Protein backbone atom coordinates (compact mmCIF):
# COMPACT_ATOMS: atom_id res chain seq x y z
CA MET A 1 0.00 0.00 0.00
CA GLU A 2 2.80 2.40 1.01
CA GLU A 3 4.70 1.56 -2.19
CA HIS A 4 1.76 2.82 -4.30
CA SER A 5 0.94 5.87 -2.13
CA LEU A 6 4.51 7.18 -1.89
CA PRO A 7 4.73 8.60 -5.46
CA VAL A 8 1.30 10.24 -5.00
CA ILE A 9 2.46 11.84 -1.74
CA LYS A 10 5.57 13.18 -3.45
CA PHE A 11 3.68 14.59 -6.45
CA ILE A 12 1.17 16.28 -4.12
CA ALA A 13 4.06 17.64 -2.06
CA ALA A 14 5.77 19.03 -5.18
CA ALA A 15 2.58 20.78 -6.33
CA SER A 16 1.87 22.16 -2.84
CA ILE A 17 5.42 23.49 -2.43
CA LEU A 18 5.20 25.16 -5.85
CA ALA A 19 1.88 26.83 -4.94
CA VAL A 20 3.07 28.04 -1.51
CA ALA A 21 6.23 29.55 -3.01
CA LEU A 22 4.26 31.33 -5.74
CA ILE A 23 1.86 32.81 -3.17
CA GLY A 24 4.71 33.90 -0.90
CA GLY A 25 6.50 35.61 -3.80
CA ALA A 26 3.33 37.15 -5.26
CA ILE A 27 2.44 39.10 -2.10
CA PRO A 28 5.31 41.64 -2.29
CA MET A 29 5.06 41.79 -6.11
CA ALA A 30 1.37 42.72 -5.87
CA ALA A 31 2.05 45.31 -3.19
CA ALA A 32 4.69 46.98 -5.39
CA ARG A 33 1.94 48.21 -7.76
CA TYR A 34 0.34 50.46 -5.10
CA GLN A 35 1.30 53.91 -3.90
CA GLY A 36 2.91 53.94 -0.51
CA SER A 37 4.47 50.54 -1.09
CA GLN A 38 7.87 51.90 0.03
CA ARG A 39 6.74 51.69 3.66
CA PHE A 40 5.41 48.17 3.11
CA PHE A 41 8.78 47.03 1.76
CA SER A 42 10.67 48.79 4.52
CA LEU A 43 8.61 46.86 7.07
CA GLY A 44 8.87 43.68 4.99
CA ASN A 45 12.63 44.14 4.86
CA ALA A 46 12.78 44.30 8.67
CA PHE A 47 10.77 41.06 8.91
CA ALA A 48 13.02 39.44 6.29
CA GLY A 49 16.06 40.50 8.34
CA GLY A 50 14.67 38.61 11.32
CA LEU A 51 13.90 35.60 9.13
CA PHE A 52 17.46 35.54 7.78
CA LEU A 53 18.95 35.85 11.28
CA GLY A 54 16.78 32.94 12.35
CA VAL A 55 17.68 30.91 9.26
CA GLY A 56 21.38 31.45 9.89
CA PHE A 57 21.59 31.00 13.67
CA ILE A 58 18.69 28.63 14.37
CA HIS A 59 18.33 26.52 11.22
CA LEU A 60 21.44 26.32 9.02
CA LEU A 61 24.33 26.64 11.48
CA PRO A 62 23.06 24.01 13.97
CA GLU A 63 22.32 21.66 11.04
CA GLY A 64 25.82 22.18 9.67
CA ILE A 65 27.39 21.55 13.09
CA GLU A 66 25.38 18.35 13.56
CA GLN A 67 26.12 17.00 10.07
CA LEU A 68 29.84 17.77 10.10
CA ALA A 69 30.37 16.53 13.67
CA ASN A 70 29.75 13.00 12.39
CA VAL A 71 32.38 13.36 9.65
CA VAL A 72 35.26 15.45 11.02
CA GLU A 73 36.53 16.09 14.56
CA TYR A 74 37.54 19.71 13.88
CA PRO A 75 34.75 22.29 14.48
CA LEU A 76 34.51 22.92 10.74
CA ALA A 77 30.98 24.37 10.66
CA PRO A 78 31.74 27.59 12.62
CA LEU A 79 34.86 28.13 10.48
CA LEU A 80 32.85 27.74 7.26
CA ALA A 81 30.15 30.09 8.60
CA ALA A 82 32.80 32.72 9.30
CA SER A 83 34.23 32.09 5.82
CA GLY A 84 30.80 32.64 4.26
CA PHE A 85 30.45 35.89 6.19
CA GLY A 86 33.93 37.02 5.13
CA THR A 87 33.39 36.07 1.49
CA LEU A 88 30.27 38.19 1.22
CA LEU A 89 32.04 41.04 3.02
CA LEU A 90 34.79 40.85 0.39
CA ILE A 91 32.31 40.81 -2.50
CA ASP A 92 30.07 43.55 -1.12
CA ARG A 93 32.46 46.05 0.46
CA ILE A 94 35.63 45.55 -1.60
CA ILE A 95 34.92 44.04 -5.03
CA PHE A 96 31.61 45.79 -5.73
CA ASP A 97 32.04 48.38 -2.97
CA GLY A 98 28.26 48.56 -2.63
CA ARG A 99 28.31 51.52 -0.23
CA HIS A 100 30.67 53.77 -2.26
CA ILE A 101 29.67 53.34 -5.90
CA HIS A 102 30.81 55.79 -8.58
CA SER A 103 29.71 54.45 -11.98
CA ASP A 104 26.24 53.56 -13.22
CA SER A 105 27.25 50.00 -14.17
CA ASP A 106 28.80 49.42 -10.74
CA ALA A 107 25.65 50.82 -9.15
CA VAL A 108 23.52 48.26 -10.91
CA GLN A 109 25.91 45.47 -9.84
CA GLY A 110 25.96 46.69 -6.25
CA ARG A 111 22.18 46.85 -5.98
CA SER A 112 21.73 43.52 -7.76
CA ILE A 113 24.10 41.36 -5.78
CA TYR A 114 21.90 40.48 -2.79
CA PRO A 115 18.90 39.03 -4.69
CA LEU A 116 21.27 36.95 -6.84
CA VAL A 117 23.24 35.67 -3.85
CA LEU A 118 19.98 34.86 -2.09
CA LEU A 119 18.68 33.08 -5.19
CA LEU A 120 21.83 30.93 -5.35
CA LEU A 121 21.76 30.03 -1.65
CA LEU A 122 18.04 29.37 -1.47
CA SER A 123 18.01 27.40 -4.73
CA VAL A 124 20.84 25.03 -3.75
CA HIS A 125 19.22 24.49 -0.35
CA SER A 126 15.86 23.87 -2.07
CA ILE A 127 17.37 21.31 -4.45
CA ILE A 128 19.01 19.42 -1.57
CA ALA A 129 15.73 19.43 0.38
CA GLY A 130 13.85 18.26 -2.71
CA LEU A 131 16.34 15.45 -3.33
CA SER A 132 15.97 14.31 0.29
CA LEU A 133 12.20 14.15 -0.13
CA GLY A 134 12.37 12.54 -3.57
CA LEU A 135 14.71 9.80 -2.33
CA GLU A 136 12.71 9.06 0.84
CA SER A 137 11.42 5.48 0.94
CA HIS A 138 8.89 5.79 3.78
CA ALA A 139 5.56 7.58 3.37
CA ALA A 140 5.38 8.91 6.95
CA THR A 141 8.87 10.43 6.78
CA ALA A 142 8.12 11.87 3.32
CA ILE A 143 5.06 13.68 4.71
CA ILE A 144 7.13 15.09 7.58
CA LEU A 145 9.84 16.29 5.18
CA ALA A 146 7.21 17.87 2.93
CA LEU A 147 5.67 19.75 5.88
CA GLY A 148 9.10 21.04 6.90
CA ILE A 149 9.80 22.32 3.38
CA LEU A 150 6.35 23.93 3.14
CA LEU A 151 6.97 25.83 6.40
CA HIS A 152 10.07 27.46 4.88
CA LYS A 153 9.22 27.91 1.22
CA GLY A 154 6.63 30.70 1.41
CA SER A 155 8.69 32.92 3.72
CA GLU A 156 11.82 32.35 1.62
CA ALA A 157 10.00 33.38 -1.58
CA PHE A 158 8.59 36.45 0.20
CA ALA A 159 12.04 37.53 1.41
CA LEU A 160 13.61 36.92 -2.01
CA MET A 161 11.05 39.11 -3.76
CA VAL A 162 11.32 41.88 -1.17
CA SER A 163 15.07 41.85 -1.79
CA ALA A 164 14.61 41.95 -5.59
CA ILE A 165 12.13 44.84 -5.43
CA SER A 166 14.33 46.77 -2.99
CA ALA A 167 17.26 46.29 -5.40
CA GLY A 168 15.25 47.88 -8.23
CA PHE A 169 14.77 44.76 -10.37
CA ALA A 170 12.36 45.20 -13.28
CA GLU A 171 9.15 43.16 -13.20
CA ASN A 172 10.31 40.70 -15.87
CA ARG A 173 13.52 40.01 -13.91
CA ARG A 174 11.52 39.54 -10.69
CA ASN A 175 9.23 37.07 -12.47
CA ALA A 176 12.23 35.16 -13.80
CA LEU A 177 13.82 35.09 -10.32
CA LEU A 178 10.63 33.82 -8.69
CA GLY A 179 9.96 31.27 -11.44
CA PHE A 180 13.48 29.86 -11.15
CA PHE A 181 13.33 29.67 -7.36
CA VAL A 182 9.90 28.03 -7.03
CA ALA A 183 10.91 25.32 -9.51
CA MET A 184 13.97 24.19 -7.54
CA THR A 185 12.35 22.02 -4.86
CA PRO A 186 9.90 20.26 -7.22
CA ALA A 187 12.82 19.65 -9.60
CA GLY A 188 14.80 18.14 -6.72
CA ILE A 189 11.86 15.93 -5.76
CA LEU A 190 11.47 14.66 -9.32
CA ALA A 191 15.22 14.10 -9.64
CA GLY A 192 15.21 12.14 -6.40
CA MET A 193 12.24 10.06 -7.57
CA LEU A 194 14.12 9.21 -10.74
CA GLY A 195 17.04 8.00 -8.66
CA ALA A 196 19.40 10.86 -9.58
CA SER A 197 21.27 10.73 -6.30
CA ILE A 198 24.85 11.94 -6.08
CA LEU A 199 24.96 12.35 -2.31
CA HIS A 200 25.14 9.42 0.09
CA GLY A 201 26.73 8.42 3.37
CA ASP A 202 29.55 10.55 4.80
CA GLY A 203 29.92 12.30 1.45
CA ALA A 204 26.34 13.58 1.69
CA ALA A 205 26.87 14.78 5.26
CA LEU A 206 30.11 16.56 4.33
CA VAL A 207 28.67 18.34 1.27
CA GLU A 208 25.32 19.27 2.81
CA GLY A 209 26.82 20.23 6.17
CA SER A 210 29.48 22.40 4.52
CA PHE A 211 26.90 24.19 2.39
CA ASN A 212 24.61 24.77 5.38
CA ALA A 213 27.47 26.27 7.41
CA LEU A 214 28.65 28.52 4.55
CA ALA A 215 25.09 29.63 3.86
CA ALA A 216 24.58 30.42 7.57
CA GLY A 217 27.42 32.95 7.46
CA THR A 218 26.07 34.62 4.33
CA PHE A 219 22.51 34.83 5.67
CA ILE A 220 23.80 36.39 8.90
CA TYR A 221 25.84 38.93 6.88
CA ILE A 222 22.88 39.94 4.71
CA ALA A 223 20.59 40.20 7.75
CA ILE A 224 22.93 42.39 9.82
CA LEU A 225 25.06 44.44 7.42
CA ASP A 226 22.57 44.89 4.60
CA ILE A 227 19.00 44.73 5.87
CA ILE A 228 19.10 45.67 9.56
CA ASP A 229 21.88 48.22 9.11
CA GLU A 230 19.89 49.87 6.31
CA GLU A 231 16.52 49.87 8.07
CA PHE A 232 17.83 51.15 11.39
CA SER A 233 20.38 53.68 10.13
CA LYS A 234 20.05 57.20 11.54
CA ARG A 235 18.36 59.86 9.44
CA GLU A 236 21.62 61.81 9.15
CA ALA A 237 23.35 58.81 7.58
CA ARG A 238 20.44 58.25 5.16
CA THR A 239 20.49 61.95 4.21
CA ALA A 240 24.22 61.82 3.52
CA LYS A 241 23.72 58.72 1.37
CA PHE A 242 20.92 60.43 -0.57
CA VAL A 243 23.04 63.56 -1.20
CA MET A 244 26.04 61.47 -2.33
CA SER A 245 23.81 59.48 -4.68
CA ALA A 246 22.36 62.66 -6.19
CA LEU A 247 25.79 64.29 -6.61
CA THR A 248 27.24 61.24 -8.40
CA GLY A 249 24.22 61.03 -10.73
CA ASN A 250 23.15 57.56 -9.61
CA ASP A 251 19.78 58.74 -8.20
CA ASP A 252 19.17 55.26 -6.76
CA VAL A 253 18.59 56.27 -3.13
CA PRO A 254 15.12 57.58 -2.13
CA MET A 255 14.84 60.89 -0.29
CA PRO A 256 14.91 60.10 3.44
CA THR A 257 11.78 60.78 5.46
CA GLN A 258 11.04 60.80 9.17
CA ASP A 259 11.13 57.17 10.30
CA ASN A 260 8.27 56.60 12.74
CA ASP A 261 8.36 52.82 12.47
CA ARG A 262 11.60 52.00 14.28
CA ILE A 263 9.93 50.21 17.21
CA PHE A 264 7.58 48.41 14.81
CA LYS A 265 10.56 47.37 12.68
CA PHE A 266 12.36 46.05 15.76
CA LEU A 267 9.29 43.99 16.65
CA LEU A 268 9.19 42.67 13.08
CA VAL A 269 12.84 41.60 13.31
CA VAL A 270 12.02 39.78 16.55
CA ALA A 271 8.92 38.26 14.89
CA GLY A 272 11.05 36.93 12.04
CA ILE A 273 13.43 35.29 14.51
CA VAL A 274 10.52 33.82 16.49
CA VAL A 275 8.93 32.42 13.29
CA MET A 276 12.16 30.61 12.38
CA ALA A 277 12.53 29.39 15.98
CA LEU A 278 9.01 27.91 15.90
CA ILE A 279 9.62 26.34 12.49
CA GLY A 280 12.89 24.86 13.75
CA ASP A 281 11.15 23.46 16.84
CA VAL A 282 8.38 21.87 14.75
CA ALA A 283 10.85 20.40 12.26
CA HIS A 284 13.05 19.04 15.09
CA SER A 285 10.05 17.44 16.80
CA HIS A 286 9.04 15.81 13.51
CA ASP A 287 12.56 14.51 12.95
CA VAL A 288 12.61 12.96 16.44
CA HIS A 289 9.26 11.21 15.88
CA ALA A 290 10.34 10.06 12.41
CA HIS A 291 13.36 8.29 13.84
């Protein structure tokens, strides 16, 4: 009975994950069409910052530590997390110099880097999660894995689209970004169902654990030095950034206004962390029952 129901469960899971991701990504895209959406995205950015902090500290880093502890004795996961943080610092503040841009082409690159980095990280993680579900041989465990993925997918798509809109991506580029991202987990599920497995045993733990640890560092960087730093910067700093942008002809920084939402933004950051903590607790409880 389970042998016949398992493929149905996986196909339903793939369709459900696709739908949840599309809904999560469509919410900020729909809001972008209305006047006053700048405040919505500022608040959404604060919530996304909390989500990314939670993803890094609560979800990815502990997973990386647990996976790599069974393969190597050295505390490799924290080192890789720090390396991920440092790599993004190098790309953002030195290579693209996203805070001190002088040419129009560099300005586009600087504004575009975060959505593309997020897309890469989220997509690889989605493929690995999809492969795990596609390769699962027990129906009960497959349902638990599917629920865990569903809990993450909508919020990840929401945060990705908020990042793309904040970076000034055109609508066709946002649609392409969302379409690519939502397809990753279903593609991983189908690949796993077809037996396209390249990860197994200690090799799987090493690759997946290393990626989770690296991704943790990059999510923490984006949350703190891009999103939270931007949303909680003082008005004087935002005014100076606006004047510099206008003088260099980039005109990519909106005129600063009185920020009356700082406490609300702080609460949204905390809410994002709490959401990821609850998701992590549910997923951990399911994993314990599954084993």
